[in-house]
Protein backbone atom coordinates (compact mmCIF):
# COMPACT_ATOMS: atom_id res chain seq x y z
CA UNK A 1 117.13 111.57 108.29
CA UNK A 2 116.18 108.29 110.20
CA UNK A 3 117.08 105.26 109.31
CA UNK A 4 114.66 102.24 109.79
CA UNK A 5 114.42 98.64 109.28
CA UNK A 6 110.91 98.62 107.84
CA UNK A 7 108.53 95.46 107.62
CA UNK A 8 105.41 95.04 105.64
CA UNK A 9 103.38 92.12 103.94
CA UNK A 10 104.87 90.17 101.30
CA UNK A 11 102.09 90.81 98.74
CA UNK A 12 101.39 94.15 97.86
CA UNK A 13 97.51 93.20 98.20
CA UNK A 14 97.77 92.22 102.17
CA UNK A 15 96.76 94.62 104.46
CA UNK A 16 96.01 94.62 108.29
CA UNK A 17 94.77 97.73 110.55
CA UNK A 18 96.54 99.25 113.03
CA UNK A 19 94.74 97.94 116.21
CA UNK A 20 95.47 93.81 115.09
CA UNK A 21 99.13 94.77 114.27
CA UNK A 22 99.68 96.52 117.55
CA UNK A 23 97.80 93.90 119.60
CA UNK A 24 100.14 91.04 117.83
CA UNK A 25 103.27 93.02 118.49
CA UNK A 26 102.16 93.79 122.17
CA UNK A 27 101.51 90.18 122.73
CA UNK A 28 104.92 88.77 120.79
CA UNK A 29 106.40 91.37 123.16
CA UNK A 30 108.71 92.89 120.09
CA UNK A 31 106.98 96.48 121.71
CA UNK A 32 106.11 97.78 125.06
CA UNK A 33 102.45 97.93 126.01
CA UNK A 34 102.28 101.40 126.46
CA UNK A 35 103.07 104.12 124.02
CA UNK A 36 105.98 106.27 125.08
CA UNK A 37 104.40 109.11 123.00
CA UNK A 38 102.28 109.00 119.98
CA UNK A 39 103.13 105.92 117.86
CA UNK A 40 106.06 105.64 119.13
CA UNK A 41 106.77 102.24 121.17
CA UNK A 42 109.79 101.37 122.92
CA UNK A 43 111.08 98.13 122.52
CA UNK A 44 109.49 94.98 124.60
CA UNK A 45 110.79 92.32 126.66
CA UNK A 46 111.62 89.67 123.88
CA UNK A 47 112.84 92.46 121.24
CA UNK A 48 116.43 91.19 121.39
CA UNK A 49 114.81 87.57 120.78
CA UNK A 50 112.74 89.30 117.57
CA UNK A 51 115.76 91.19 116.02
CA UNK A 52 119.59 90.05 115.97
CA UNK A 53 121.82 92.90 115.51
CA UNK A 54 124.80 92.04 113.44
CA UNK A 55 128.34 93.12 114.07
CA UNK A 56 130.52 92.70 116.91
CA UNK A 57 129.90 95.80 118.78
CA UNK A 58 126.32 97.80 117.47
CA UNK A 59 125.83 100.44 119.33
CA UNK A 60 121.78 100.41 119.94
CA UNK A 61 119.85 102.90 122.65
CA UNK A 62 116.93 100.47 123.60
CA UNK A 63 115.60 103.35 125.99
CA UNK A 64 115.43 107.18 125.86
CA UNK A 65 118.78 108.82 126.49
CA UNK A 66 118.90 112.75 126.74
CA UNK A 67 120.08 114.37 123.61
CA UNK A 68 120.73 111.17 122.06
CA UNK A 69 118.70 109.17 119.30
CA UNK A 70 116.81 105.96 120.16
CA UNK A 71 115.53 102.64 118.97
CA UNK A 72 111.69 102.86 119.00
CA UNK A 73 108.65 101.31 116.56
CA UNK A 74 105.97 102.94 114.78
CA UNK A 75 102.78 101.55 113.50
CA UNK A 76 102.67 102.68 109.85
CA UNK A 77 99.16 103.91 108.91
CA UNK A 78 97.22 101.87 106.69
CA UNK A 79 96.37 103.19 102.76
CA UNK A 80 94.57 101.67 100.59
CA UNK A 81 97.33 102.60 97.82
CA UNK A 82 100.46 100.65 97.60
CA UNK A 83 103.02 102.77 98.44
CA UNK A 84 107.29 103.01 98.54
CA UNK A 85 107.51 102.57 102.59
CA UNK A 86 111.22 103.47 102.17
CA UNK A 87 114.67 102.42 100.23
CA UNK A 88 118.33 103.12 101.23
CA UNK A 89 120.46 105.19 99.22
CA UNK A 90 122.36 102.23 97.94
CA UNK A 91 119.11 100.34 95.87
CA UNK A 92 120.09 98.87 93.14
CA UNK A 93 117.26 96.14 91.84
CA UNK A 94 117.43 93.07 90.38
CA UNK A 95 115.60 91.82 87.39
CA UNK A 96 113.16 89.13 88.42
CA UNK A 97 113.31 87.91 84.46
CA UNK A 98 117.11 87.56 84.08
CA UNK A 99 118.40 88.14 87.62
CA UNK A 100 120.85 90.68 86.91
CA UNK A 101 121.01 94.02 87.98
CA UNK A 102 119.26 97.05 86.33
CA UNK A 103 121.06 99.64 84.99
CA UNK A 104 119.45 103.13 84.81
CA UNK A 105 116.12 101.92 86.96
CA UNK A 106 115.15 105.24 88.47
CA UNK A 107 112.90 106.95 86.68
CA UNK A 108 110.78 110.45 88.26
CA UNK A 109 108.10 108.10 88.91
CA UNK A 110 109.42 105.06 90.08
CA UNK A 111 107.87 104.71 93.44
CA UNK A 112 104.23 105.22 92.28
CA UNK A 113 101.85 102.23 92.72
CA UNK A 114 101.98 100.51 88.95
CA UNK A 115 104.77 101.99 87.42
CA UNK A 116 107.08 99.43 85.38
CA UNK A 117 110.59 99.48 84.93
CA UNK A 118 112.06 98.09 81.73
CA UNK A 119 115.34 95.86 82.35
CA UNK A 120 118.15 97.28 79.95
CA UNK A 121 119.56 92.95 80.28
CA UNK A 122 116.49 91.13 78.63
CA UNK A 123 113.88 93.85 78.03
CA UNK A 124 111.09 92.48 80.66
CA UNK A 125 108.72 94.86 82.08
CA UNK A 126 108.15 94.27 85.96
CA UNK A 127 106.58 96.67 88.08
CA UNK A 128 108.86 98.24 90.68
CA UNK A 129 106.67 96.69 92.94
CA UNK A 130 107.50 93.38 92.06
CA UNK A 131 111.44 94.15 91.18
CA UNK A 132 114.11 91.80 93.70
CA UNK A 133 115.01 95.14 96.13
CA UNK A 134 117.16 92.68 98.41
CA UNK A 135 115.41 94.15 101.37
CA UNK A 136 117.27 97.71 99.77
CA UNK A 137 113.17 98.68 99.36
CA UNK A 138 109.40 98.10 100.28
CA UNK A 139 106.17 98.37 98.55
CA UNK A 140 103.08 98.03 100.90
CA UNK A 141 99.93 99.41 102.14
CA UNK A 142 100.90 99.03 105.59
CA UNK A 143 103.59 97.79 108.41
CA UNK A 144 105.50 98.76 111.06
CA UNK A 145 109.37 100.20 111.21
CA UNK A 146 111.85 100.16 113.93
CA UNK A 147 113.38 103.53 113.83
CA UNK A 148 117.30 104.37 114.28
CA UNK A 149 118.72 100.75 112.59
CA UNK A 150 120.85 101.50 110.41
CA UNK A 151 121.01 99.21 107.06
CA UNK A 152 122.18 95.83 107.47
CA UNK A 153 122.74 96.55 111.16
CA UNK A 154 120.03 93.93 112.04
CA UNK A 155 118.03 91.16 110.61
CA UNK A 156 114.44 89.61 112.03
CA UNK A 157 114.53 85.72 112.86
CA UNK A 158 113.18 83.16 111.25
CA UNK A 159 110.91 82.75 114.41
CA UNK A 160 109.58 86.24 114.48
CA UNK A 161 108.63 86.41 111.06
CA UNK A 162 106.96 83.11 111.69
CA UNK A 163 105.14 84.44 114.33
CA UNK A 164 104.26 87.57 112.07
CA UNK A 165 102.58 85.39 109.73
CA UNK A 166 100.77 83.31 112.26
CA UNK A 167 99.12 86.32 113.80
CA UNK A 168 98.61 88.11 110.47
CA UNK A 169 97.97 85.03 108.47
CA UNK A 170 99.96 86.03 105.78
CA UNK A 171 103.98 86.34 105.17
CA UNK A 172 106.31 89.67 105.99
CA UNK A 173 109.39 90.85 104.44
CA UNK A 174 111.33 93.66 105.18
CA UNK A 175 113.40 96.11 104.07
CA UNK A 176 116.00 98.90 105.03
CA UNK A 177 115.70 102.51 104.95
CA UNK A 178 117.48 105.52 105.21
CA UNK A 179 116.34 107.97 102.54
CA UNK A 180 112.84 108.87 103.47
């Protein structure tokens, strides 16, 4: 199981194809110009200006080291349907209507586009894609992932999120994943 920091459009109806996304990430120098292997990009020169690592001494391999995991970036293949890109094992969404945590929210089909969740507090019915996941889950048609980043170990800078918006013409969100 790989832990990831996943980036995706804020609105589930937005999509960007792989090449413009790749070009934008290269221009921002989040990733290296040439892939290390198929869809496996090493961090670029400005990676540490785009992502802030939290804690007193995070240990992240930014370059491959034999027999050790390292940080790398992959483009998520765009889909026509909204999909769950990833989630953490500790997710607990909040209802957008009453702002309270929803108990017993997990149904067998919760990751499918179009499924709705009923809040046990206010009975509001909300598509799973519109719940307040607090960066613990992400739904979209496209995006990219930074691999081998543990949940809440790193956050994007505001400038990086603004730069993503500038080249794609839409807002971006992010989520952590350690469950796919």
